[in-house]
Amino acid sequence: MEAVLDLPKTKSQTVRPLAEKEPTVERVYLQDVNWKTYQQLVENQMGKRDLRLTYDDGDLEIMVVSYKQGSYSSYLELIIAAIADFYEIDFVPAGATTFRREKKQKGFEGDATFYFKNADIVRAKKEIDLNIDPPPELVVEVDITHGSLPKFPIFSALGVEEVWRFDGDGVIFYRLENENYREVAESVCLRGVKSEIVTELLFAAQELKRSDWLKLVHRLVEEN
């Protein structure tokens, strides 16, 4: 039997992106949501990967993932995997796993997430529990409408070391330093990889056949 939730006050809106070519993004904001309700919502939407739930100390955002956003995140995931494979860097992709911790009253689902130095720790796990497991070292955030609940405070509180954020114009790398994120030109998890190269590859993916695009990925990585 499905759980019946007594949800708090709701604020729903449609966020229209700056560029007309981008689709509208449906979001629902809930305020004064307790942790138990957030947990129930997470469990109820398991397997529905067209949704993203973000929780920050009582504030909850439920967002429907558009085709365009999903496309960007998929290409970024492929780029990261291709670069790691080229340099023979071990990693575990965690996809859009829900990362949450009650003590911090925060939770999120990245557009793509990765473990590198802690790959061996999580490789065989069926679930990630941030009470005992480490957070992902790299999180990809695609925010092409600039209207989502701020996630950097959540990433910082949960200990995410690096964030790749695509805002529709380019991919920007951020590194966690003293509980705040600082923009950096090169990746920390994938040493030597520059944000401008990743941006070029991401836009090229919209124009090239997959086989040609993969050749470009390998060529630019080799030249990097």
N, C-alpha and C. Protein backbone atom coordinates (compact mmCIF):
# COMPACT_ATOMS: atom_id res chain seq x y z
N MET A 1 0.85 -1.19 0.00
CA MET A 1 0.00 0.00 0.00
C MET A 1 0.88 1.24 0.00
N GLU A 2 0.58 2.21 -0.85
CA GLU A 2 1.39 3.40 -0.93
C GLU A 2 1.18 4.27 0.30
N ALA A 3 2.25 4.91 0.74
CA ALA A 3 2.16 5.80 1.90
C ALA A 3 1.37 7.05 1.54
N VAL A 4 0.55 7.51 2.45
CA VAL A 4 -0.18 8.76 2.27
C VAL A 4 0.55 9.82 3.07
N LEU A 5 1.03 10.87 2.40
CA LEU A 5 1.85 11.87 3.05
C LEU A 5 1.05 13.14 3.30
N ASP A 6 1.22 13.67 4.49
CA ASP A 6 0.61 14.95 4.83
C ASP A 6 1.63 16.03 4.51
N LEU A 7 1.61 16.52 3.27
CA LEU A 7 2.63 17.44 2.81
C LEU A 7 2.38 18.86 3.31
N PRO A 8 3.46 19.60 3.55
CA PRO A 8 3.34 20.98 3.98
C PRO A 8 2.97 21.89 2.83
N LYS A 9 2.96 23.19 3.12
CA LYS A 9 2.57 24.16 2.11
C LYS A 9 3.44 24.03 0.87
N THR A 10 2.82 24.23 -0.28
CA THR A 10 3.47 23.96 -1.56
C THR A 10 3.55 25.23 -2.39
N LYS A 11 4.66 25.37 -3.07
CA LYS A 11 4.83 26.47 -4.01
C LYS A 11 5.30 25.88 -5.32
N SER A 12 4.43 25.90 -6.35
CA SER A 12 4.74 25.29 -7.64
C SER A 12 4.98 26.37 -8.67
N GLN A 13 5.94 26.11 -9.57
CA GLN A 13 6.20 27.09 -10.60
C GLN A 13 6.81 26.41 -11.81
N THR A 14 6.66 27.07 -12.95
CA THR A 14 7.34 26.65 -14.17
C THR A 14 8.43 27.66 -14.45
N VAL A 15 9.66 27.20 -14.51
CA VAL A 15 10.79 28.09 -14.73
C VAL A 15 11.13 28.10 -16.21
N ARG A 16 11.10 29.26 -16.82
CA ARG A 16 11.42 29.36 -18.24
C ARG A 16 12.87 29.80 -18.39
N PRO A 17 13.67 29.03 -19.11
CA PRO A 17 15.07 29.36 -19.28
C PRO A 17 15.25 30.61 -20.13
N LEU A 18 16.46 31.16 -20.07
CA LEU A 18 16.76 32.39 -20.79
C LEU A 18 16.69 32.17 -22.30
N ALA A 19 17.21 31.05 -22.76
CA ALA A 19 17.22 30.77 -24.20
C ALA A 19 15.92 30.09 -24.60
N GLU A 20 15.29 30.59 -25.65
CA GLU A 20 14.00 30.04 -26.07
C GLU A 20 14.11 28.60 -26.55
N LYS A 21 15.29 28.21 -26.98
CA LYS A 21 15.45 26.86 -27.50
C LYS A 21 15.40 25.81 -26.40
N GLU A 22 15.58 26.22 -25.15
CA GLU A 22 15.56 25.26 -24.05
C GLU A 22 14.13 25.02 -23.60
N PRO A 23 13.81 23.79 -23.16
CA PRO A 23 12.46 23.48 -22.71
C PRO A 23 12.19 24.07 -21.33
N THR A 24 10.93 24.23 -20.99
CA THR A 24 10.59 24.64 -19.63
C THR A 24 10.90 23.50 -18.68
N VAL A 25 11.14 23.86 -17.44
CA VAL A 25 11.47 22.87 -16.43
C VAL A 25 10.46 22.97 -15.30
N GLU A 26 9.81 21.87 -14.99
CA GLU A 26 8.81 21.86 -13.94
C GLU A 26 9.45 21.61 -12.60
N ARG A 27 9.14 22.48 -11.64
CA ARG A 27 9.65 22.32 -10.28
C ARG A 27 8.54 22.53 -9.27
N VAL A 28 8.63 21.82 -8.19
CA VAL A 28 7.75 22.06 -7.05
C VAL A 28 8.63 22.28 -5.84
N TYR A 29 8.37 23.38 -5.13
CA TYR A 29 9.10 23.67 -3.89
C TYR A 29 8.19 23.43 -2.70
N LEU A 30 8.70 22.72 -1.72
CA LEU A 30 7.97 22.48 -0.48
C LEU A 30 8.80 23.05 0.67
N GLN A 31 8.12 23.69 1.59
CA GLN A 31 8.78 24.26 2.76
C GLN A 31 8.33 23.55 4.02
N ASP A 32 9.18 23.59 5.03
CA ASP A 32 8.88 22.97 6.32
C ASP A 32 8.61 21.47 6.19
N VAL A 33 9.41 20.81 5.37
CA VAL A 33 9.31 19.37 5.19
C VAL A 33 10.21 18.68 6.22
N ASN A 34 9.66 17.77 7.01
CA ASN A 34 10.51 17.10 7.98
C ASN A 34 11.28 15.95 7.32
N TRP A 35 12.28 15.48 8.01
CA TRP A 35 13.17 14.47 7.44
C TRP A 35 12.42 13.18 7.09
N LYS A 36 11.48 12.78 7.95
CA LYS A 36 10.74 11.55 7.72
C LYS A 36 9.95 11.64 6.41
N THR A 37 9.32 12.78 6.16
CA THR A 37 8.55 12.95 4.92
C THR A 37 9.47 12.90 3.71
N TYR A 38 10.62 13.56 3.83
CA TYR A 38 11.60 13.51 2.74
C TYR A 38 12.03 12.07 2.46
N GLN A 39 12.28 11.31 3.50
CA GLN A 39 12.67 9.92 3.34
C GLN A 39 11.58 9.13 2.62
N GLN A 40 10.33 9.36 3.00
CA GLN A 40 9.22 8.65 2.36
C GLN A 40 9.11 9.00 0.88
N LEU A 41 9.30 10.28 0.57
CA LEU A 41 9.24 10.71 -0.83
C LEU A 41 10.35 10.08 -1.65
N VAL A 42 11.54 10.00 -1.07
CA VAL A 42 12.66 9.36 -1.76
C VAL A 42 12.34 7.90 -2.05
N GLU A 43 11.83 7.20 -1.05
CA GLU A 43 11.52 5.79 -1.24
C GLU A 43 10.41 5.60 -2.27
N ASN A 44 9.41 6.48 -2.26
CA ASN A 44 8.29 6.34 -3.19
C ASN A 44 8.69 6.59 -4.64
N GLN A 45 9.72 7.41 -4.86
CA GLN A 45 10.09 7.73 -6.24
C GLN A 45 11.28 6.92 -6.74
N MET A 46 11.71 5.92 -5.97
CA MET A 46 12.81 5.06 -6.40
C MET A 46 12.47 4.44 -7.76
N GLY A 47 13.40 4.52 -8.68
CA GLY A 47 13.18 3.97 -10.01
C GLY A 47 12.62 4.98 -11.00
N LYS A 48 12.12 6.11 -10.50
CA LYS A 48 11.60 7.16 -11.37
C LYS A 48 12.71 8.18 -11.61
N ARG A 49 13.61 7.85 -12.49
CA ARG A 49 14.82 8.66 -12.64
C ARG A 49 14.61 9.93 -13.43
N ASP A 50 13.34 10.24 -13.77
CA ASP A 50 13.08 11.51 -14.41
C ASP A 50 12.80 12.59 -13.38
N LEU A 51 12.98 12.25 -12.09
CA LEU A 51 12.80 13.21 -11.01
C LEU A 51 14.10 13.40 -10.25
N ARG A 52 14.28 14.61 -9.70
CA ARG A 52 15.40 14.89 -8.81
C ARG A 52 14.84 15.51 -7.54
N LEU A 53 15.23 14.97 -6.39
CA LEU A 53 14.82 15.52 -5.10
C LEU A 53 16.04 16.14 -4.42
N THR A 54 15.89 17.38 -3.99
CA THR A 54 16.96 18.08 -3.29
C THR A 54 16.41 18.58 -1.96
N TYR A 55 17.11 18.28 -0.87
CA TYR A 55 16.61 18.62 0.47
C TYR A 55 17.66 19.40 1.24
N ASP A 56 17.24 20.50 1.83
CA ASP A 56 18.17 21.32 2.61
C ASP A 56 17.46 21.89 3.83
N ASP A 57 17.58 21.15 4.93
CA ASP A 57 17.10 21.62 6.23
C ASP A 57 15.65 22.11 6.17
N GLY A 58 14.77 21.27 5.64
CA GLY A 58 13.34 21.59 5.61
C GLY A 58 12.83 22.07 4.27
N ASP A 59 13.73 22.55 3.42
CA ASP A 59 13.34 22.98 2.08
C ASP A 59 13.54 21.83 1.10
N LEU A 60 12.51 21.56 0.30
CA LEU A 60 12.57 20.45 -0.64
C LEU A 60 12.20 20.93 -2.03
N GLU A 61 13.03 20.55 -3.00
CA GLU A 61 12.73 20.81 -4.41
C GLU A 61 12.54 19.47 -5.11
N ILE A 62 11.44 19.34 -5.85
CA ILE A 62 11.19 18.18 -6.70
C ILE A 62 11.19 18.68 -8.13
N MET A 63 12.10 18.18 -8.94
CA MET A 63 12.27 18.68 -10.30
C MET A 63 12.12 17.54 -11.31
N VAL A 64 11.40 17.82 -12.37
CA VAL A 64 11.29 16.89 -13.49
C VAL A 64 12.45 17.13 -14.43
N VAL A 65 13.20 16.08 -14.74
CA VAL A 65 14.36 16.20 -15.62
C VAL A 65 13.91 16.23 -17.07
N SER A 66 14.25 17.30 -17.78
CA SER A 66 13.89 17.42 -19.19
C SER A 66 14.80 16.56 -20.05
N TYR A 67 14.38 16.33 -21.28
CA TYR A 67 15.22 15.57 -22.21
C TYR A 67 16.57 16.26 -22.40
N LYS A 68 16.56 17.58 -22.55
CA LYS A 68 17.80 18.31 -22.79
C LYS A 68 18.75 18.19 -21.60
N GLN A 69 18.22 18.34 -20.40
CA GLN A 69 19.07 18.21 -19.21
C GLN A 69 19.64 16.81 -19.10
N GLY A 70 18.79 15.82 -19.35
CA GLY A 70 19.26 14.43 -19.29
C GLY A 70 20.31 14.15 -20.34
N SER A 71 20.16 14.78 -21.52
CA SER A 71 21.13 14.60 -22.59
C SER A 71 22.49 15.18 -22.20
N TYR A 72 22.49 16.40 -21.67
CA TYR A 72 23.74 17.02 -21.25
C TYR A 72 24.45 16.18 -20.18
N SER A 73 23.69 15.74 -19.19
CA SER A 73 24.31 14.97 -18.10
C SER A 73 24.85 13.64 -18.60
N SER A 74 24.16 13.01 -19.55
CA SER A 74 24.63 11.74 -20.11
C SER A 74 25.94 11.93 -20.87
N TYR A 75 26.03 13.01 -21.65
CA TYR A 75 27.27 13.26 -22.39
C TYR A 75 28.43 13.58 -21.44
N LEU A 76 28.14 14.34 -20.38
CA LEU A 76 29.20 14.64 -19.41
C LEU A 76 29.67 13.36 -18.72
N GLU A 77 28.73 12.48 -18.44
CA GLU A 77 29.09 11.19 -17.83
C GLU A 77 29.98 10.39 -18.77
N LEU A 78 29.65 10.40 -20.07
CA LEU A 78 30.47 9.69 -21.05
C LEU A 78 31.86 10.30 -21.17
N ILE A 79 31.93 11.63 -21.13
CA ILE A 79 33.23 12.31 -21.21
C ILE A 79 34.11 11.94 -20.04
N ILE A 80 33.55 11.96 -18.85
CA ILE A 80 34.32 11.62 -17.65
C ILE A 80 34.81 10.18 -17.72
N ALA A 81 33.93 9.27 -18.12
CA ALA A 81 34.31 7.86 -18.23
C ALA A 81 35.40 7.66 -19.27
N ALA A 82 35.28 8.34 -20.42
CA ALA A 82 36.27 8.20 -21.49
C ALA A 82 37.64 8.71 -21.06
N ILE A 83 37.65 9.85 -20.36
CA ILE A 83 38.91 10.41 -19.88
C ILE A 83 39.56 9.49 -18.85
N ALA A 84 38.74 9.00 -17.91
CA ALA A 84 39.27 8.11 -16.87
C ALA A 84 39.82 6.84 -17.49
N ASP A 85 39.11 6.29 -18.47
CA ASP A 85 39.59 5.07 -19.13
C ASP A 85 40.89 5.34 -19.88
N PHE A 86 40.99 6.49 -20.54
CA PHE A 86 42.20 6.82 -21.30
C PHE A 86 43.41 6.86 -20.38
N TYR A 87 43.25 7.47 -19.21
CA TYR A 87 44.36 7.60 -18.26
C TYR A 87 44.46 6.40 -17.31
N GLU A 88 43.60 5.41 -17.52
CA GLU A 88 43.57 4.21 -16.69
C GLU A 88 43.36 4.56 -15.21
N ILE A 89 42.42 5.46 -14.99
CA ILE A 89 42.05 5.87 -13.63
C ILE A 89 40.82 5.06 -13.21
N ASP A 90 40.93 4.35 -12.13
CA ASP A 90 39.82 3.54 -11.66
C ASP A 90 38.70 4.44 -11.14
N PHE A 91 37.46 4.05 -11.39
CA PHE A 91 36.33 4.83 -10.89
C PHE A 91 35.09 3.95 -10.80
N VAL A 92 34.14 4.42 -10.02
CA VAL A 92 32.82 3.80 -9.92
C VAL A 92 31.78 4.88 -10.19
N PRO A 93 30.98 4.74 -11.25
CA PRO A 93 29.91 5.71 -11.49
C PRO A 93 28.72 5.42 -10.59
N ALA A 94 28.21 6.45 -9.94
CA ALA A 94 27.08 6.26 -9.03
C ALA A 94 25.80 6.87 -9.58
N GLY A 95 25.85 7.37 -10.82
CA GLY A 95 24.64 7.86 -11.48
C GLY A 95 23.94 8.95 -10.69
N ALA A 96 22.61 8.83 -10.59
CA ALA A 96 21.80 9.81 -9.87
C ALA A 96 21.38 9.25 -8.51
N THR A 97 22.29 8.55 -7.87
CA THR A 97 22.04 8.00 -6.53
C THR A 97 21.59 9.10 -5.57
N THR A 98 20.68 8.77 -4.67
CA THR A 98 20.29 9.70 -3.62
C THR A 98 21.31 9.65 -2.49
N PHE A 99 21.97 10.77 -2.26
CA PHE A 99 22.93 10.90 -1.16
C PHE A 99 22.28 11.76 -0.09
N ARG A 100 22.18 11.24 1.12
CA ARG A 100 21.49 11.96 2.18
C ARG A 100 22.11 11.63 3.53
N ARG A 101 21.98 12.57 4.44
CA ARG A 101 22.47 12.35 5.80
C ARG A 101 21.61 13.14 6.78
N GLU A 102 20.95 12.39 7.66
CA GLU A 102 20.00 13.01 8.57
C GLU A 102 20.68 14.01 9.50
N LYS A 103 21.87 13.69 9.98
CA LYS A 103 22.56 14.58 10.90
C LYS A 103 22.78 15.96 10.29
N LYS A 104 23.03 16.00 8.99
CA LYS A 104 23.24 17.27 8.30
C LYS A 104 21.93 17.87 7.78
N GLN A 105 20.85 17.06 7.78
CA GLN A 105 19.56 17.50 7.25
C GLN A 105 19.67 17.95 5.79
N LYS A 106 20.40 17.15 5.03
CA LYS A 106 20.63 17.49 3.62
C LYS A 106 20.63 16.22 2.77
N GLY A 107 20.18 16.38 1.53
CA GLY A 107 20.18 15.26 0.59
C GLY A 107 20.10 15.77 -0.83
N PHE A 108 20.65 15.02 -1.76
CA PHE A 108 20.61 15.43 -3.16
C PHE A 108 20.74 14.23 -4.08
N GLU A 109 20.39 14.44 -5.34
CA GLU A 109 20.60 13.45 -6.40
C GLU A 109 21.30 14.19 -7.55
N GLY A 110 22.58 13.92 -7.73
CA GLY A 110 23.32 14.59 -8.79
C GLY A 110 22.88 14.11 -10.16
N ASP A 111 23.19 14.90 -11.18
CA ASP A 111 22.90 14.46 -12.55
C ASP A 111 23.83 13.32 -12.94
N ALA A 112 25.02 13.30 -12.35
CA ALA A 112 25.96 12.19 -12.48
C ALA A 112 26.93 12.31 -11.32
N THR A 113 27.34 11.18 -10.76
CA THR A 113 28.26 11.20 -9.62
C THR A 113 29.30 10.10 -9.77
N PHE A 114 30.49 10.35 -9.22
CA PHE A 114 31.59 9.42 -9.40
C PHE A 114 32.43 9.27 -8.13
N TYR A 115 32.91 8.05 -7.94
CA TYR A 115 33.93 7.76 -6.93
C TYR A 115 35.24 7.43 -7.64
N PHE A 116 36.33 7.98 -7.15
CA PHE A 116 37.65 7.69 -7.70
C PHE A 116 38.54 7.07 -6.62
N LYS A 117 39.03 7.85 -5.69
CA LYS A 117 39.93 7.32 -4.67
C LYS A 117 39.22 6.34 -3.73
N ASN A 118 37.91 6.48 -3.63
CA ASN A 118 37.14 5.57 -2.78
C ASN A 118 36.38 4.52 -3.58
N ALA A 119 36.82 4.30 -4.81
CA ALA A 119 36.13 3.34 -5.68
C ALA A 119 36.09 1.94 -5.06
N ASP A 120 37.18 1.51 -4.48
CA ASP A 120 37.23 0.17 -3.88
C ASP A 120 36.27 0.03 -2.71
N ILE A 121 36.02 1.13 -2.01
CA ILE A 121 35.16 1.08 -0.83
C ILE A 121 33.70 0.84 -1.22
N VAL A 122 33.27 1.44 -2.33
CA VAL A 122 31.84 1.38 -2.68
C VAL A 122 31.53 0.41 -3.82
N ARG A 123 32.57 -0.15 -4.43
CA ARG A 123 32.36 -0.94 -5.65
C ARG A 123 31.32 -2.05 -5.50
N ALA A 124 31.36 -2.77 -4.41
CA ALA A 124 30.48 -3.93 -4.24
C ALA A 124 29.21 -3.62 -3.46
N LYS A 125 29.02 -2.37 -3.08
CA LYS A 125 27.86 -2.02 -2.26
C LYS A 125 26.58 -1.96 -3.08
N LYS A 126 25.47 -2.31 -2.45
CA LYS A 126 24.17 -2.21 -3.09
C LYS A 126 23.51 -0.87 -2.79
N GLU A 127 23.88 -0.26 -1.67
CA GLU A 127 23.36 1.04 -1.28
C GLU A 127 24.48 1.86 -0.65
N ILE A 128 24.35 3.18 -0.74
CA ILE A 128 25.31 4.08 -0.12
C ILE A 128 24.65 4.73 1.09
N ASP A 129 25.31 4.61 2.24
CA ASP A 129 24.83 5.22 3.49
C ASP A 129 25.91 6.20 3.95
N LEU A 130 25.62 7.50 3.85
CA LEU A 130 26.63 8.50 4.19
C LEU A 130 26.95 8.56 5.68
N ASN A 131 26.23 7.81 6.48
CA ASN A 131 26.60 7.70 7.89
C ASN A 131 27.87 6.87 8.06
N ILE A 132 28.12 5.98 7.09
CA ILE A 132 29.30 5.12 7.17
C ILE A 132 30.14 5.15 5.91
N ASP A 133 29.54 5.55 4.79
CA ASP A 133 30.24 5.55 3.50
C ASP A 133 30.67 6.97 3.13
N PRO A 134 31.72 7.09 2.33
CA PRO A 134 32.15 8.41 1.88
C PRO A 134 31.22 8.96 0.81
N PRO A 135 31.17 10.29 0.64
CA PRO A 135 30.39 10.87 -0.44
C PRO A 135 31.12 10.71 -1.76
N PRO A 136 30.46 10.92 -2.89
CA PRO A 136 31.17 10.86 -4.17
C PRO A 136 32.19 12.00 -4.24
N GLU A 137 33.31 11.76 -4.93
CA GLU A 137 34.31 12.82 -5.05
C GLU A 137 33.95 13.84 -6.12
N LEU A 138 33.19 13.40 -7.13
CA LEU A 138 32.83 14.30 -8.23
C LEU A 138 31.34 14.24 -8.49
N VAL A 139 30.72 15.41 -8.55
CA VAL A 139 29.29 15.53 -8.85
C VAL A 139 29.12 16.43 -10.06
N VAL A 140 28.29 15.99 -11.00
CA VAL A 140 27.93 16.79 -12.18
C VAL A 140 26.56 17.42 -11.93
N GLU A 141 26.49 18.74 -12.11
CA GLU A 141 25.22 19.45 -11.97
C GLU A 141 24.92 20.18 -13.27
N VAL A 142 23.78 19.87 -13.87
CA VAL A 142 23.32 20.57 -15.07
C VAL A 142 22.18 21.48 -14.65
N ASP A 143 22.42 22.79 -14.74
CA ASP A 143 21.39 23.77 -14.35
C ASP A 143 21.27 24.79 -15.47
N ILE A 144 20.49 24.47 -16.48
CA ILE A 144 20.38 25.32 -17.65
C ILE A 144 19.26 26.34 -17.53
N THR A 145 18.57 26.34 -16.38
CA THR A 145 17.49 27.32 -16.18
C THR A 145 17.78 28.25 -15.02
N HIS A 146 18.81 27.95 -14.24
CA HIS A 146 19.28 28.84 -13.17
C HIS A 146 18.19 29.16 -12.14
N GLY A 147 17.30 28.21 -11.91
CA GLY A 147 16.24 28.48 -10.96
C GLY A 147 16.12 27.45 -9.87
N SER A 148 17.10 26.56 -9.76
CA SER A 148 16.98 25.47 -8.81
C SER A 148 17.44 25.89 -7.42
N LEU A 149 17.06 25.07 -6.44
CA LEU A 149 17.50 25.27 -5.07
C LEU A 149 19.02 25.22 -5.03
N PRO A 150 19.70 26.21 -4.43
CA PRO A 150 21.17 26.21 -4.39
C PRO A 150 21.70 24.90 -3.79
N LYS A 151 22.59 24.26 -4.54
CA LYS A 151 23.07 22.95 -4.11
C LYS A 151 24.48 22.98 -3.52
N PHE A 152 25.23 24.03 -3.77
CA PHE A 152 26.60 24.05 -3.27
C PHE A 152 26.68 23.91 -1.75
N PRO A 153 25.80 24.56 -0.98
CA PRO A 153 25.85 24.36 0.48
C PRO A 153 25.58 22.90 0.87
N ILE A 154 24.75 22.22 0.08
CA ILE A 154 24.47 20.80 0.34
C ILE A 154 25.70 19.96 0.02
N PHE A 155 26.29 20.19 -1.16
CA PHE A 155 27.49 19.46 -1.55
C PHE A 155 28.60 19.65 -0.52
N SER A 156 28.77 20.89 -0.07
CA SER A 156 29.83 21.20 0.89
C SER A 156 29.60 20.49 2.22
N ALA A 157 28.36 20.55 2.72
CA ALA A 157 28.05 19.93 4.01
C ALA A 157 28.26 18.42 3.98
N LEU A 158 28.05 17.81 2.81
CA LEU A 158 28.20 16.36 2.69
C LEU A 158 29.61 15.95 2.26
N GLY A 159 30.47 16.94 1.96
CA GLY A 159 31.88 16.65 1.70
C GLY A 159 32.25 16.30 0.29
N VAL A 160 31.47 16.78 -0.71
CA VAL A 160 31.81 16.53 -2.12
C VAL A 160 33.02 17.38 -2.50
N GLU A 161 34.08 16.74 -2.99
CA GLU A 161 35.33 17.45 -3.24
C GLU A 161 35.30 18.30 -4.50
N GLU A 162 34.58 17.85 -5.53
CA GLU A 162 34.62 18.55 -6.81
C GLU A 162 33.25 18.55 -7.47
N VAL A 163 32.91 19.67 -8.09
CA VAL A 163 31.64 19.81 -8.80
C VAL A 163 31.93 20.31 -10.21
N TRP A 164 31.32 19.64 -11.21
CA TRP A 164 31.33 20.15 -12.59
C TRP A 164 29.93 20.67 -12.85
N ARG A 165 29.83 21.97 -13.10
CA ARG A 165 28.51 22.59 -13.28
C ARG A 165 28.39 23.14 -14.69
N PHE A 166 27.33 22.72 -15.38
CA PHE A 166 27.05 23.23 -16.72
C PHE A 166 25.83 24.13 -16.64
N ASP A 167 25.99 25.40 -17.07
CA ASP A 167 24.92 26.38 -16.95
C ASP A 167 24.29 26.75 -18.28
N GLY A 168 24.61 25.98 -19.34
CA GLY A 168 24.08 26.28 -20.65
C GLY A 168 25.08 27.00 -21.53
N ASP A 169 26.05 27.66 -20.90
CA ASP A 169 27.10 28.38 -21.63
C ASP A 169 28.43 27.65 -21.61
N GLY A 170 28.70 26.95 -20.54
CA GLY A 170 29.96 26.24 -20.43
C GLY A 170 30.02 25.41 -19.16
N VAL A 171 31.03 24.54 -19.08
CA VAL A 171 31.24 23.70 -17.91
C VAL A 171 32.28 24.39 -17.02
N ILE A 172 31.94 24.57 -15.76
CA ILE A 172 32.84 25.20 -14.80
C ILE A 172 33.18 24.19 -13.72
N PHE A 173 34.47 24.10 -13.39
CA PHE A 173 34.94 23.20 -12.33
C PHE A 173 35.04 23.97 -11.01
N TYR A 174 34.62 23.31 -9.94
CA TYR A 174 34.73 23.88 -8.60
C TYR A 174 35.39 22.87 -7.67
N ARG A 175 36.27 23.38 -6.82
CA ARG A 175 36.96 22.55 -5.84
C ARG A 175 36.62 23.02 -4.44
N LEU A 176 36.35 22.07 -3.54
CA LEU A 176 36.00 22.40 -2.15
C LEU A 176 37.25 22.77 -1.37
N GLU A 177 37.25 23.97 -0.81
CA GLU A 177 38.35 24.44 0.03
C GLU A 177 37.78 25.18 1.22
N ASN A 178 38.08 24.68 2.42
CA ASN A 178 37.61 25.32 3.66
C ASN A 178 36.10 25.54 3.65
N GLU A 179 35.38 24.49 3.27
CA GLU A 179 33.92 24.45 3.28
C GLU A 179 33.27 25.34 2.23
N ASN A 180 34.06 25.90 1.33
CA ASN A 180 33.52 26.70 0.23
C ASN A 180 34.11 26.21 -1.09
N TYR A 181 33.39 26.47 -2.18
CA TYR A 181 33.86 26.04 -3.49
C TYR A 181 34.55 27.18 -4.22
N ARG A 182 35.71 26.86 -4.78
CA ARG A 182 36.50 27.83 -5.55
C ARG A 182 36.59 27.35 -6.99
N GLU A 183 36.34 28.25 -7.92
CA GLU A 183 36.44 27.89 -9.34
C GLU A 183 37.89 27.59 -9.70
N VAL A 184 38.08 26.48 -10.42
CA VAL A 184 39.42 26.08 -10.84
C VAL A 184 39.39 25.76 -12.33
N ALA A 185 40.55 25.91 -12.99
CA ALA A 185 40.62 25.67 -14.43
C ALA A 185 40.79 24.21 -14.77
N GLU A 186 41.40 23.44 -13.83
CA GLU A 186 41.66 22.02 -14.06
C GLU A 186 40.97 21.16 -13.03
N SER A 187 40.60 19.97 -13.44
CA SER A 187 39.94 19.03 -12.55
C SER A 187 40.89 18.53 -11.47
N VAL A 188 40.33 18.25 -10.33
CA VAL A 188 41.10 17.66 -9.22
C VAL A 188 41.07 16.14 -9.33
N CYS A 189 39.90 15.61 -9.64
CA CYS A 189 39.76 14.15 -9.73
C CYS A 189 40.44 13.60 -10.97
N LEU A 190 40.41 14.35 -12.06
CA LEU A 190 41.05 13.95 -13.31
C LEU A 190 42.13 14.97 -13.63
N ARG A 191 43.27 14.77 -13.03
CA ARG A 191 44.37 15.75 -13.08
C ARG A 191 44.72 16.15 -14.50
N GLY A 192 44.82 17.46 -14.71
CA GLY A 192 45.25 17.98 -16.00
C GLY A 192 44.13 18.25 -16.98
N VAL A 193 42.93 17.76 -16.70
CA VAL A 193 41.79 17.96 -17.60
C VAL A 193 41.21 19.36 -17.37
N LYS A 194 41.10 20.12 -18.45
CA LYS A 194 40.66 21.51 -18.36
C LYS A 194 39.17 21.64 -18.67
N SER A 195 38.54 22.60 -18.02
CA SER A 195 37.11 22.81 -18.21
C SER A 195 36.78 23.22 -19.64
N GLU A 196 37.67 23.96 -20.29
CA GLU A 196 37.40 24.40 -21.65
C GLU A 196 37.35 23.23 -22.63
N ILE A 197 38.15 22.19 -22.37
CA ILE A 197 38.13 21.00 -23.22
C ILE A 197 36.81 20.25 -23.04
N VAL A 198 36.37 20.14 -21.80
CA VAL A 198 35.11 19.45 -21.52
C VAL A 198 33.94 20.20 -22.16
N THR A 199 33.97 21.52 -22.08
CA THR A 199 32.92 22.34 -22.71
C THR A 199 32.89 22.10 -24.21
N GLU A 200 34.05 22.08 -24.84
CA GLU A 200 34.12 21.86 -26.29
C GLU A 200 33.55 20.49 -26.65
N LEU A 201 33.89 19.48 -25.87
CA LEU A 201 33.39 18.14 -26.15
C LEU A 201 31.88 18.05 -25.94
N LEU A 202 31.38 18.74 -24.94
CA LEU A 202 29.95 18.69 -24.66
C LEU A 202 29.14 19.30 -25.80
N PHE A 203 29.57 20.44 -26.32
CA PHE A 203 28.84 21.06 -27.42
C PHE A 203 29.02 20.27 -28.72
N ALA A 204 30.19 19.67 -28.90
CA ALA A 204 30.42 18.85 -30.09
C ALA A 204 29.49 17.65 -30.12
N ALA A 205 29.12 17.15 -28.95
CA ALA A 205 28.24 15.98 -28.88
C ALA A 205 26.86 16.27 -29.47
N GLN A 206 26.48 17.55 -29.53
CA GLN A 206 25.19 17.92 -30.08
C GLN A 206 25.19 17.92 -31.62
N GLU A 207 26.38 17.84 -32.21
CA GLU A 207 26.49 18.00 -33.66
C GLU A 207 27.05 16.77 -34.38
N LEU A 208 27.85 15.98 -33.69
CA LEU A 208 28.55 14.88 -34.34
C LEU A 208 27.86 13.54 -34.12
N LYS A 209 28.07 12.62 -35.06
CA LYS A 209 27.66 11.24 -34.83
C LYS A 209 28.48 10.69 -33.68
N ARG A 210 27.92 9.72 -32.98
CA ARG A 210 28.57 9.20 -31.78
C ARG A 210 29.99 8.69 -32.08
N SER A 211 30.16 7.98 -33.19
CA SER A 211 31.48 7.43 -33.51
C SER A 211 32.50 8.55 -33.74
N ASP A 212 32.07 9.60 -34.45
CA ASP A 212 32.96 10.74 -34.70
C ASP A 212 33.25 11.50 -33.42
N TRP A 213 32.21 11.60 -32.58
CA TRP A 213 32.39 12.32 -31.31
C TRP A 213 33.39 11.60 -30.41
N LEU A 214 33.30 10.29 -30.33
CA LEU A 214 34.22 9.53 -29.49
C LEU A 214 35.66 9.67 -29.99
N LYS A 215 35.84 9.74 -31.31
CA LYS A 215 37.17 9.97 -31.86
C LYS A 215 37.70 11.33 -31.42
N LEU A 216 36.81 12.33 -31.41
CA LEU A 216 37.21 13.66 -30.97
C LEU A 216 37.58 13.66 -29.50
N VAL A 217 36.82 12.95 -28.69
CA VAL A 217 37.14 12.84 -27.26
C VAL A 217 38.55 12.30 -27.09
N HIS A 218 38.86 11.21 -27.77
CA HIS A 218 40.18 10.59 -27.62
C HIS A 218 41.28 11.52 -28.13
N ARG A 219 41.01 12.24 -29.23
CA ARG A 219 42.04 13.12 -29.78
C ARG A 219 42.33 14.30 -28.85
N LEU A 220 41.26 14.91 -28.32
CA LEU A 220 41.48 16.06 -27.46
C LEU A 220 42.11 15.67 -26.13
N VAL A 221 41.78 14.48 -25.63
CA VAL A 221 42.40 14.00 -24.40
C VAL A 221 43.88 13.73 -24.63
N GLU A 222 44.21 13.15 -25.76
CA GLU A 222 45.62 12.89 -26.07
C GLU A 222 46.41 14.18 -26.21
N GLU A 223 45.78 15.21 -26.79
CA GLU A 223 46.46 16.48 -27.00
C GLU A 223 46.51 17.33 -25.73
N ASN A 224 45.68 17.02 -24.78
CA ASN A 224 45.57 17.83 -23.57
C ASN A 224 46.88 17.82 -22.76
